[in-house]
Amino acid sequence: MTKARKAILEALRLSPIPVSAISLVSQLGLAYDQATIYRNLHYLEDQGMAESFILHCSEQGTVRYYSYRNREDGVHHHWFHCERCHRFIDLGSCNYTEQLQQWEKDYGFVITDHTFFLTGICDSCNV
């Protein structure tokens, strides 16, 4: 694994929330250019070490966010994004296994992956 991949993977592992490629460029400073960050995020995602989702926010536009994916346990998380303060809240690990299996049975397809996030207004902003 290259030095850049290790640094990006470690930044994802340590982040409690999903991060954009641009925020990783800022976080990692001048050590790696933007193209290197994007290329390595794509590689890490292809290898199952990171996952991403695209979020459209009425204020910030459309952004792809990345998070660490633990390969040993296969657990991934679901998120809530506040459209006012732009905070992410971890909704915990996935607990949709039974529902996914039911959809596979009902519709005859094989689900290989899924993404789940909610957008809205958090309790702090909803006053």
N, C-alpha and C. Protein backbone atom coordinates (compact mmCIF):
# COMPACT_ATOMS: atom_id res chain seq x y z
N MET A 1 0.86 -1.17 0.00
CA MET A 1 0.00 0.00 0.00
C MET A 1 0.91 1.24 0.00
N THR A 2 0.57 2.17 -0.85
CA THR A 2 1.40 3.37 -0.97
C THR A 2 1.24 4.27 0.25
N LYS A 3 2.18 5.19 0.37
CA LYS A 3 2.15 6.14 1.49
C LYS A 3 0.89 6.99 1.45
N ALA A 4 0.49 7.42 0.27
CA ALA A 4 -0.72 8.23 0.12
C ALA A 4 -1.96 7.44 0.54
N ARG A 5 -2.05 6.20 0.10
CA ARG A 5 -3.22 5.37 0.46
C ARG A 5 -3.29 5.15 1.96
N LYS A 6 -2.15 4.90 2.56
CA LYS A 6 -2.12 4.71 4.02
C LYS A 6 -2.60 5.97 4.74
N ALA A 7 -2.13 7.13 4.29
CA ALA A 7 -2.51 8.39 4.94
C ALA A 7 -4.00 8.67 4.77
N ILE A 8 -4.53 8.43 3.59
CA ILE A 8 -5.95 8.66 3.33
C ILE A 8 -6.80 7.68 4.12
N LEU A 9 -6.42 6.41 4.11
CA LEU A 9 -7.17 5.40 4.86
C LEU A 9 -7.17 5.70 6.35
N GLU A 10 -6.04 6.13 6.87
CA GLU A 10 -5.95 6.48 8.29
C GLU A 10 -6.84 7.70 8.60
N ALA A 11 -6.86 8.68 7.72
CA ALA A 11 -7.71 9.85 7.93
C ALA A 11 -9.18 9.44 7.94
N LEU A 12 -9.57 8.53 7.05
CA LEU A 12 -10.95 8.04 7.04
C LEU A 12 -11.26 7.24 8.30
N ARG A 13 -10.32 6.40 8.70
CA ARG A 13 -10.53 5.56 9.90
C ARG A 13 -10.72 6.40 11.15
N LEU A 14 -9.98 7.49 11.24
CA LEU A 14 -10.04 8.34 12.43
C LEU A 14 -11.20 9.32 12.42
N SER A 15 -11.80 9.53 11.28
CA SER A 15 -12.89 10.51 11.21
C SER A 15 -14.20 9.91 11.73
N PRO A 16 -14.85 10.58 12.67
CA PRO A 16 -16.12 10.06 13.19
C PRO A 16 -17.30 10.31 12.25
N ILE A 17 -17.07 11.09 11.18
CA ILE A 17 -18.13 11.41 10.22
C ILE A 17 -17.59 11.24 8.80
N PRO A 18 -18.48 11.12 7.82
CA PRO A 18 -18.02 11.07 6.43
C PRO A 18 -17.31 12.37 6.06
N VAL A 19 -16.34 12.27 5.16
CA VAL A 19 -15.56 13.44 4.75
C VAL A 19 -15.55 13.53 3.23
N SER A 20 -15.46 14.74 2.72
CA SER A 20 -15.35 14.94 1.28
C SER A 20 -13.88 14.87 0.88
N ALA A 21 -13.66 14.67 -0.40
CA ALA A 21 -12.28 14.64 -0.91
C ALA A 21 -11.62 16.00 -0.68
N ILE A 22 -12.37 17.07 -0.85
CA ILE A 22 -11.82 18.41 -0.65
C ILE A 22 -11.37 18.60 0.80
N SER A 23 -12.15 18.08 1.75
CA SER A 23 -11.74 18.21 3.15
C SER A 23 -10.48 17.38 3.43
N LEU A 24 -10.35 16.24 2.74
CA LEU A 24 -9.12 15.45 2.89
C LEU A 24 -7.92 16.19 2.30
N VAL A 25 -8.11 16.88 1.19
CA VAL A 25 -7.03 17.67 0.61
C VAL A 25 -6.57 18.71 1.63
N SER A 26 -7.52 19.38 2.27
CA SER A 26 -7.18 20.38 3.29
C SER A 26 -6.51 19.75 4.50
N GLN A 27 -7.04 18.61 4.93
CA GLN A 27 -6.52 17.94 6.12
C GLN A 27 -5.10 17.42 5.91
N LEU A 28 -4.83 16.86 4.73
CA LEU A 28 -3.53 16.26 4.49
C LEU A 28 -2.50 17.27 4.00
N GLY A 29 -2.94 18.50 3.80
CA GLY A 29 -2.02 19.57 3.44
C GLY A 29 -1.38 19.40 2.08
N LEU A 30 -0.18 19.86 1.97
CA LEU A 30 0.52 19.86 0.70
C LEU A 30 1.18 18.53 0.37
N ALA A 31 1.04 17.55 1.24
CA ALA A 31 1.71 16.26 1.02
C ALA A 31 1.20 15.57 -0.24
N TYR A 32 -0.09 15.73 -0.57
CA TYR A 32 -0.69 15.05 -1.71
C TYR A 32 -1.59 16.02 -2.45
N ASP A 33 -1.51 15.99 -3.78
CA ASP A 33 -2.37 16.88 -4.56
C ASP A 33 -3.77 16.30 -4.68
N GLN A 34 -4.68 17.11 -5.18
CA GLN A 34 -6.09 16.74 -5.26
C GLN A 34 -6.30 15.50 -6.13
N ALA A 35 -5.59 15.39 -7.24
CA ALA A 35 -5.73 14.22 -8.12
C ALA A 35 -5.32 12.94 -7.41
N THR A 36 -4.27 13.01 -6.62
CA THR A 36 -3.80 11.85 -5.86
C THR A 36 -4.85 11.42 -4.84
N ILE A 37 -5.46 12.39 -4.17
CA ILE A 37 -6.51 12.08 -3.19
C ILE A 37 -7.67 11.38 -3.87
N TYR A 38 -8.18 11.95 -4.97
CA TYR A 38 -9.32 11.36 -5.67
C TYR A 38 -8.98 9.96 -6.20
N ARG A 39 -7.83 9.81 -6.81
CA ARG A 39 -7.43 8.52 -7.37
C ARG A 39 -7.36 7.45 -6.28
N ASN A 40 -6.79 7.82 -5.15
CA ASN A 40 -6.65 6.85 -4.06
C ASN A 40 -7.96 6.57 -3.35
N LEU A 41 -8.84 7.54 -3.24
CA LEU A 41 -10.17 7.27 -2.68
C LEU A 41 -10.90 6.26 -3.56
N HIS A 42 -10.81 6.44 -4.86
CA HIS A 42 -11.44 5.50 -5.79
C HIS A 42 -10.86 4.09 -5.60
N TYR A 43 -9.54 3.99 -5.49
CA TYR A 43 -8.89 2.71 -5.27
C TYR A 43 -9.35 2.07 -3.96
N LEU A 44 -9.35 2.84 -2.87
CA LEU A 44 -9.75 2.31 -1.57
C LEU A 44 -11.20 1.84 -1.58
N GLU A 45 -12.04 2.56 -2.29
CA GLU A 45 -13.44 2.14 -2.39
C GLU A 45 -13.56 0.85 -3.21
N ASP A 46 -12.84 0.75 -4.31
CA ASP A 46 -12.85 -0.47 -5.12
C ASP A 46 -12.36 -1.68 -4.33
N GLN A 47 -11.46 -1.46 -3.40
CA GLN A 47 -10.90 -2.54 -2.60
C GLN A 47 -11.74 -2.86 -1.35
N GLY A 48 -12.84 -2.13 -1.15
CA GLY A 48 -13.72 -2.38 -0.01
C GLY A 48 -13.24 -1.80 1.30
N MET A 49 -12.27 -0.89 1.25
CA MET A 49 -11.74 -0.29 2.47
C MET A 49 -12.39 1.05 2.79
N ALA A 50 -13.13 1.59 1.84
CA ALA A 50 -13.84 2.85 2.02
C ALA A 50 -15.17 2.72 1.29
N GLU A 51 -16.11 3.54 1.68
CA GLU A 51 -17.38 3.60 0.97
C GLU A 51 -17.77 5.05 0.81
N SER A 52 -18.65 5.30 -0.13
CA SER A 52 -19.04 6.69 -0.37
C SER A 52 -20.51 6.79 -0.70
N PHE A 53 -21.02 7.99 -0.59
CA PHE A 53 -22.36 8.29 -1.04
C PHE A 53 -22.39 9.73 -1.51
N ILE A 54 -23.32 10.01 -2.39
CA ILE A 54 -23.47 11.36 -2.93
C ILE A 54 -24.66 12.00 -2.23
N LEU A 55 -24.43 13.19 -1.71
CA LEU A 55 -25.47 13.91 -0.96
C LEU A 55 -25.71 15.25 -1.62
N HIS A 56 -26.98 15.54 -1.85
CA HIS A 56 -27.31 16.87 -2.34
C HIS A 56 -27.85 17.69 -1.18
N CYS A 57 -27.21 18.80 -0.92
CA CYS A 57 -27.61 19.72 0.14
C CYS A 57 -28.06 21.01 -0.52
N SER A 58 -29.17 21.56 -0.07
CA SER A 58 -29.71 22.77 -0.68
C SER A 58 -28.75 23.95 -0.55
N GLU A 59 -27.87 23.94 0.45
CA GLU A 59 -26.94 25.05 0.63
C GLU A 59 -25.54 24.77 0.09
N GLN A 60 -25.08 23.53 0.21
CA GLN A 60 -23.71 23.21 -0.19
C GLN A 60 -23.60 22.52 -1.54
N GLY A 61 -24.71 22.20 -2.14
CA GLY A 61 -24.68 21.54 -3.44
C GLY A 61 -24.48 20.04 -3.31
N THR A 62 -24.01 19.44 -4.39
CA THR A 62 -23.84 18.00 -4.44
C THR A 62 -22.39 17.64 -4.14
N VAL A 63 -22.19 16.77 -3.15
CA VAL A 63 -20.85 16.39 -2.71
C VAL A 63 -20.82 14.88 -2.48
N ARG A 64 -19.72 14.25 -2.85
CA ARG A 64 -19.50 12.83 -2.52
C ARG A 64 -18.74 12.78 -1.19
N TYR A 65 -19.26 12.01 -0.26
CA TYR A 65 -18.64 11.84 1.05
C TYR A 65 -18.11 10.42 1.18
N TYR A 66 -16.98 10.28 1.87
CA TYR A 66 -16.32 9.00 2.04
C TYR A 66 -16.21 8.67 3.53
N SER A 67 -16.24 7.37 3.81
CA SER A 67 -16.02 6.92 5.18
C SER A 67 -15.28 5.59 5.15
N TYR A 68 -14.67 5.28 6.26
CA TYR A 68 -13.90 4.04 6.43
C TYR A 68 -14.85 2.85 6.48
N ARG A 69 -14.44 1.75 5.90
CA ARG A 69 -15.22 0.52 5.98
C ARG A 69 -14.33 -0.57 6.52
N ASN A 70 -14.71 -1.11 7.68
CA ASN A 70 -13.94 -2.17 8.32
C ASN A 70 -14.14 -3.47 7.54
N ARG A 71 -13.10 -3.94 6.90
CA ARG A 71 -13.21 -5.14 6.07
C ARG A 71 -13.43 -6.40 6.88
N GLU A 72 -12.95 -6.43 8.11
CA GLU A 72 -13.10 -7.65 8.91
C GLU A 72 -14.55 -7.93 9.27
N ASP A 73 -15.26 -6.91 9.71
CA ASP A 73 -16.64 -7.16 10.14
C ASP A 73 -17.68 -6.76 9.09
N GLY A 74 -17.27 -6.07 8.03
CA GLY A 74 -18.19 -5.69 6.97
C GLY A 74 -19.25 -4.68 7.38
N VAL A 75 -19.12 -4.13 8.59
CA VAL A 75 -20.11 -3.20 9.10
C VAL A 75 -19.94 -1.84 8.44
N HIS A 76 -21.03 -1.27 8.02
CA HIS A 76 -21.01 0.10 7.56
C HIS A 76 -22.09 0.87 8.31
N HIS A 77 -22.02 2.18 8.23
CA HIS A 77 -22.93 3.01 9.00
C HIS A 77 -23.88 3.78 8.11
N HIS A 78 -24.95 4.21 8.69
CA HIS A 78 -25.93 5.07 8.04
C HIS A 78 -25.89 6.42 8.73
N TRP A 79 -26.27 7.48 7.99
CA TRP A 79 -26.06 8.83 8.48
C TRP A 79 -27.28 9.71 8.33
N PHE A 80 -27.36 10.72 9.21
CA PHE A 80 -28.32 11.81 9.09
C PHE A 80 -27.51 13.08 8.84
N HIS A 81 -27.93 13.89 7.89
CA HIS A 81 -27.25 15.15 7.58
C HIS A 81 -28.23 16.30 7.80
N CYS A 82 -27.82 17.25 8.64
CA CYS A 82 -28.65 18.43 8.89
C CYS A 82 -28.41 19.45 7.78
N GLU A 83 -29.47 19.89 7.15
CA GLU A 83 -29.35 20.85 6.05
C GLU A 83 -29.09 22.28 6.53
N ARG A 84 -29.21 22.52 7.81
CA ARG A 84 -28.93 23.87 8.32
C ARG A 84 -27.50 24.00 8.85
N CYS A 85 -27.11 23.12 9.76
CA CYS A 85 -25.77 23.24 10.35
C CYS A 85 -24.75 22.33 9.67
N HIS A 86 -25.20 21.45 8.78
CA HIS A 86 -24.37 20.56 7.98
C HIS A 86 -23.62 19.52 8.82
N ARG A 87 -24.17 19.24 9.97
CA ARG A 87 -23.59 18.22 10.85
C ARG A 87 -24.07 16.85 10.41
N PHE A 88 -23.19 15.86 10.50
CA PHE A 88 -23.57 14.46 10.28
C PHE A 88 -23.78 13.81 11.64
N ILE A 89 -24.82 13.00 11.74
CA ILE A 89 -25.10 12.22 12.94
C ILE A 89 -25.08 10.75 12.54
N ASP A 90 -24.27 9.97 13.23
CA ASP A 90 -24.14 8.54 12.96
C ASP A 90 -25.39 7.83 13.46
N LEU A 91 -26.09 7.18 12.56
CA LEU A 91 -27.29 6.43 12.93
C LEU A 91 -26.97 4.99 13.33
N GLY A 92 -25.70 4.68 13.36
CA GLY A 92 -25.28 3.35 13.79
C GLY A 92 -25.06 2.41 12.63
N SER A 93 -24.69 1.20 12.98
CA SER A 93 -24.41 0.21 11.94
C SER A 93 -25.71 -0.28 11.31
N CYS A 94 -25.56 -0.87 10.17
CA CYS A 94 -26.70 -1.31 9.38
C CYS A 94 -27.46 -2.44 10.10
N ASN A 95 -28.77 -2.30 10.13
CA ASN A 95 -29.60 -3.37 10.68
C ASN A 95 -30.74 -3.71 9.72
N TYR A 96 -30.43 -3.66 8.43
CA TYR A 96 -31.44 -3.92 7.41
C TYR A 96 -31.28 -5.29 6.75
N THR A 97 -30.52 -6.19 7.34
CA THR A 97 -30.24 -7.48 6.73
C THR A 97 -31.52 -8.23 6.38
N GLU A 98 -32.45 -8.31 7.30
CA GLU A 98 -33.70 -9.05 7.04
C GLU A 98 -34.50 -8.41 5.92
N GLN A 99 -34.59 -7.09 5.92
CA GLN A 99 -35.34 -6.40 4.87
C GLN A 99 -34.69 -6.61 3.50
N LEU A 100 -33.37 -6.53 3.45
CA LEU A 100 -32.66 -6.74 2.18
C LEU A 100 -32.90 -8.15 1.66
N GLN A 101 -32.85 -9.13 2.56
CA GLN A 101 -33.09 -10.51 2.16
C GLN A 101 -34.52 -10.70 1.66
N GLN A 102 -35.45 -10.02 2.30
CA GLN A 102 -36.85 -10.11 1.86
C GLN A 102 -37.02 -9.52 0.47
N TRP A 103 -36.40 -8.37 0.20
CA TRP A 103 -36.47 -7.77 -1.13
C TRP A 103 -35.84 -8.67 -2.18
N GLU A 104 -34.72 -9.32 -1.83
CA GLU A 104 -34.11 -10.25 -2.77
C GLU A 104 -35.08 -11.38 -3.12
N LYS A 105 -35.74 -11.90 -2.10
CA LYS A 105 -36.69 -12.99 -2.30
C LYS A 105 -37.90 -12.51 -3.11
N ASP A 106 -38.45 -11.35 -2.73
CA ASP A 106 -39.65 -10.84 -3.40
C ASP A 106 -39.42 -10.48 -4.86
N TYR A 107 -38.26 -9.90 -5.15
CA TYR A 107 -38.02 -9.39 -6.49
C TYR A 107 -37.04 -10.23 -7.32
N GLY A 108 -36.41 -11.22 -6.69
CA GLY A 108 -35.55 -12.12 -7.42
C GLY A 108 -34.19 -11.55 -7.81
N PHE A 109 -33.79 -10.47 -7.16
CA PHE A 109 -32.46 -9.95 -7.47
C PHE A 109 -31.50 -10.20 -6.33
N VAL A 110 -30.22 -9.91 -6.57
CA VAL A 110 -29.18 -10.07 -5.56
C VAL A 110 -28.65 -8.68 -5.22
N ILE A 111 -28.75 -8.30 -3.98
CA ILE A 111 -28.26 -7.00 -3.52
C ILE A 111 -26.79 -7.15 -3.16
N THR A 112 -25.95 -6.35 -3.79
CA THR A 112 -24.52 -6.44 -3.52
C THR A 112 -24.03 -5.33 -2.60
N ASP A 113 -24.81 -4.26 -2.48
CA ASP A 113 -24.43 -3.14 -1.62
C ASP A 113 -25.63 -2.21 -1.49
N HIS A 114 -25.59 -1.35 -0.50
CA HIS A 114 -26.64 -0.34 -0.37
C HIS A 114 -26.09 0.85 0.41
N THR A 115 -26.78 1.98 0.25
CA THR A 115 -26.43 3.21 0.94
C THR A 115 -27.70 3.77 1.54
N PHE A 116 -27.60 4.26 2.76
CA PHE A 116 -28.77 4.82 3.41
C PHE A 116 -28.35 6.05 4.20
N PHE A 117 -28.98 7.17 3.90
CA PHE A 117 -28.77 8.38 4.68
C PHE A 117 -30.06 9.18 4.66
N LEU A 118 -30.21 9.98 5.67
CA LEU A 118 -31.36 10.85 5.81
C LEU A 118 -30.89 12.30 5.80
N THR A 119 -31.72 13.18 5.29
CA THR A 119 -31.44 14.60 5.38
C THR A 119 -32.63 15.28 6.03
N GLY A 120 -32.38 16.39 6.67
CA GLY A 120 -33.45 17.12 7.34
C GLY A 120 -32.86 18.16 8.26
N ILE A 121 -33.57 18.44 9.32
CA ILE A 121 -33.16 19.45 10.30
C ILE A 121 -32.94 18.74 11.64
N CYS A 122 -31.74 18.90 12.22
CA CYS A 122 -31.43 18.24 13.49
C CYS A 122 -32.18 18.91 14.65
N ASP A 123 -32.15 18.28 15.80
CA ASP A 123 -32.87 18.80 16.96
C ASP A 123 -32.34 20.16 17.41
N SER A 124 -31.05 20.40 17.28
CA SER A 124 -30.48 21.69 17.68
C SER A 124 -30.97 22.83 16.78
N CYS A 125 -31.13 22.54 15.51
CA CYS A 125 -31.55 23.57 14.54
C CYS A 125 -33.08 23.71 14.48
N ASN A 126 -33.78 22.74 14.99
CA ASN A 126 -35.24 22.72 14.90
C ASN A 126 -35.89 23.40 16.10
N VAL A 127 -35.48 24.63 16.35
CA VAL A 127 -36.05 25.40 17.47
C VAL A 127 -36.73 26.64 16.99
